[in-house]
Amino acid sequence: MSKSEANNKLLKVKLALAEKCDRLIQTMTSVPKRKKLTNQAARFRRQAADLARR
């Protein structure tokens, strides 16, 4: 597997994790848990953006 293929695969995983966090936010009623998931989703999106630049 080449480095670009590995980066593309990791990019897809990070975006999928961000989408999963977004789905979980809709089911949470606890404000701290929602805040935590929002931050995690933002972190995964930042990581995906960094990978896309490579």
N, C-alpha and C. Protein backbone atom coordinates (compact mmCIF):
# COMPACT_ATOMS: atom_id res chain seq x y z
N MET A 1 0.86 -1.17 0.00
CA MET A 1 0.00 0.00 0.00
C MET A 1 0.90 1.24 0.00
N SER A 2 0.65 2.12 -0.94
CA SER A 2 1.47 3.33 -1.01
C SER A 2 1.04 4.32 0.07
N LYS A 3 1.88 5.32 0.27
CA LYS A 3 1.60 6.32 1.31
C LYS A 3 0.33 7.11 1.00
N SER A 4 0.09 7.42 -0.27
CA SER A 4 -1.11 8.18 -0.62
C SER A 4 -2.38 7.34 -0.40
N GLU A 5 -2.29 6.04 -0.68
CA GLU A 5 -3.44 5.17 -0.42
C GLU A 5 -3.73 5.08 1.07
N ALA A 6 -2.67 5.00 1.87
CA ALA A 6 -2.84 4.93 3.32
C ALA A 6 -3.45 6.23 3.84
N ASN A 7 -3.00 7.36 3.30
CA ASN A 7 -3.56 8.66 3.72
C ASN A 7 -5.03 8.77 3.34
N ASN A 8 -5.38 8.30 2.14
CA ASN A 8 -6.78 8.35 1.71
C ASN A 8 -7.67 7.48 2.60
N LYS A 9 -7.15 6.32 2.96
CA LYS A 9 -7.91 5.41 3.82
C LYS A 9 -8.10 6.04 5.20
N LEU A 10 -7.05 6.63 5.74
CA LEU A 10 -7.13 7.29 7.04
C LEU A 10 -8.06 8.49 7.00
N LEU A 11 -8.04 9.22 5.88
CA LEU A 11 -8.94 10.36 5.70
C LEU A 11 -10.40 9.92 5.76
N LYS A 12 -10.71 8.82 5.09
CA LYS A 12 -12.09 8.30 5.11
C LYS A 12 -12.50 7.88 6.52
N VAL A 13 -11.57 7.28 7.25
CA VAL A 13 -11.87 6.84 8.62
C VAL A 13 -12.15 8.05 9.51
N LYS A 14 -11.33 9.08 9.40
CA LYS A 14 -11.51 10.28 10.23
C LYS A 14 -12.86 10.94 9.93
N LEU A 15 -13.23 11.02 8.67
CA LEU A 15 -14.52 11.62 8.32
C LEU A 15 -15.68 10.76 8.80
N ALA A 16 -15.51 9.44 8.74
CA ALA A 16 -16.56 8.55 9.24
C ALA A 16 -16.73 8.70 10.75
N LEU A 17 -15.62 8.86 11.46
CA LEU A 17 -15.71 9.06 12.91
C LEU A 17 -16.39 10.39 13.25
N ALA A 18 -16.11 11.42 12.46
CA ALA A 18 -16.76 12.71 12.69
C ALA A 18 -18.27 12.59 12.45
N GLU A 19 -18.66 11.87 11.42
CA GLU A 19 -20.09 11.67 11.15
C GLU A 19 -20.75 10.86 12.27
N LYS A 20 -20.03 9.87 12.79
CA LYS A 20 -20.56 9.07 13.89
C LYS A 20 -20.80 9.95 15.12
N CYS A 21 -19.84 10.82 15.42
CA CYS A 21 -20.01 11.74 16.55
C CYS A 21 -21.22 12.64 16.33
N ASP A 22 -21.41 13.11 15.11
CA ASP A 22 -22.56 13.96 14.81
C ASP A 22 -23.88 13.22 15.04
N ARG A 23 -23.91 11.95 14.65
CA ARG A 23 -25.13 11.15 14.87
C ARG A 23 -25.38 10.95 16.36
N LEU A 24 -24.32 10.69 17.12
CA LEU A 24 -24.47 10.47 18.55
C LEU A 24 -24.91 11.74 19.28
N ILE A 25 -24.50 12.90 18.78
CA ILE A 25 -24.89 14.16 19.40
C ILE A 25 -26.41 14.30 19.40
N GLN A 26 -27.05 13.81 18.35
CA GLN A 26 -28.50 13.92 18.23
C GLN A 26 -29.23 13.09 19.28
N THR A 27 -28.59 12.05 19.79
CA THR A 27 -29.25 11.18 20.76
C THR A 27 -28.94 11.55 22.21
N MET A 28 -27.90 12.35 22.42
CA MET A 28 -27.48 12.70 23.77
C MET A 28 -28.38 13.79 24.37
N THR A 29 -28.68 13.63 25.64
CA THR A 29 -29.41 14.68 26.35
C THR A 29 -28.50 15.40 27.33
N SER A 30 -27.39 14.78 27.69
CA SER A 30 -26.45 15.37 28.62
C SER A 30 -25.62 16.44 27.91
N VAL A 31 -25.62 17.64 28.46
CA VAL A 31 -24.89 18.75 27.84
C VAL A 31 -23.38 18.48 27.82
N PRO A 32 -22.77 17.99 28.91
CA PRO A 32 -21.33 17.71 28.85
C PRO A 32 -20.96 16.66 27.80
N LYS A 33 -21.78 15.63 27.67
CA LYS A 33 -21.49 14.60 26.66
C LYS A 33 -21.62 15.17 25.25
N ARG A 34 -22.63 16.03 25.04
CA ARG A 34 -22.80 16.66 23.73
C ARG A 34 -21.60 17.53 23.40
N LYS A 35 -21.13 18.27 24.41
CA LYS A 35 -19.98 19.15 24.21
C LYS A 35 -18.73 18.34 23.87
N LYS A 36 -18.55 17.23 24.59
CA LYS A 36 -17.40 16.36 24.35
C LYS A 36 -17.44 15.80 22.92
N LEU A 37 -18.61 15.33 22.50
CA LEU A 37 -18.74 14.77 21.15
C LEU A 37 -18.56 15.84 20.08
N THR A 38 -19.03 17.05 20.35
CA THR A 38 -18.84 18.15 19.40
C THR A 38 -17.36 18.43 19.22
N ASN A 39 -16.62 18.45 20.33
CA ASN A 39 -15.18 18.69 20.26
C ASN A 39 -14.47 17.55 19.54
N GLN A 40 -14.89 16.31 19.79
CA GLN A 40 -14.28 15.17 19.12
C GLN A 40 -14.52 15.23 17.61
N ALA A 41 -15.74 15.58 17.22
CA ALA A 41 -16.06 15.67 15.79
C ALA A 41 -15.21 16.75 15.13
N ALA A 42 -15.06 17.88 15.82
CA ALA A 42 -14.23 18.96 15.27
C ALA A 42 -12.77 18.51 15.15
N ARG A 43 -12.29 17.76 16.13
CA ARG A 43 -10.92 17.27 16.10
C ARG A 43 -10.72 16.32 14.93
N PHE A 44 -11.67 15.40 14.72
CA PHE A 44 -11.56 14.47 13.60
C PHE A 44 -11.59 15.21 12.26
N ARG A 45 -12.40 16.25 12.16
CA ARG A 45 -12.45 17.03 10.91
C ARG A 45 -11.14 17.78 10.67
N ARG A 46 -10.55 18.32 11.75
CA ARG A 46 -9.25 18.99 11.61
C ARG A 46 -8.19 18.00 11.16
N GLN A 47 -8.19 16.81 11.74
CA GLN A 47 -7.22 15.79 11.35
C GLN A 47 -7.42 15.39 9.89
N ALA A 48 -8.66 15.28 9.46
CA ALA A 48 -8.95 14.93 8.06
C ALA A 48 -8.47 16.04 7.13
N ALA A 49 -8.67 17.29 7.54
CA ALA A 49 -8.21 18.41 6.71
C ALA A 49 -6.69 18.41 6.60
N ASP A 50 -6.00 18.09 7.68
CA ASP A 50 -4.54 18.01 7.64
C ASP A 50 -4.08 16.89 6.71
N LEU A 51 -4.78 15.77 6.76
CA LEU A 51 -4.42 14.65 5.87
C LEU A 51 -4.69 15.00 4.42
N ALA A 52 -5.74 15.76 4.16
CA ALA A 52 -6.09 16.11 2.79
C ALA A 52 -5.04 17.03 2.18
N ARG A 53 -4.38 17.81 3.01
CA ARG A 53 -3.34 18.72 2.51
C ARG A 53 -2.08 17.99 2.11
N ARG A 54 -1.87 16.79 2.63
CA ARG A 54 -0.64 16.04 2.33
C ARG A 54 -0.66 15.45 0.96
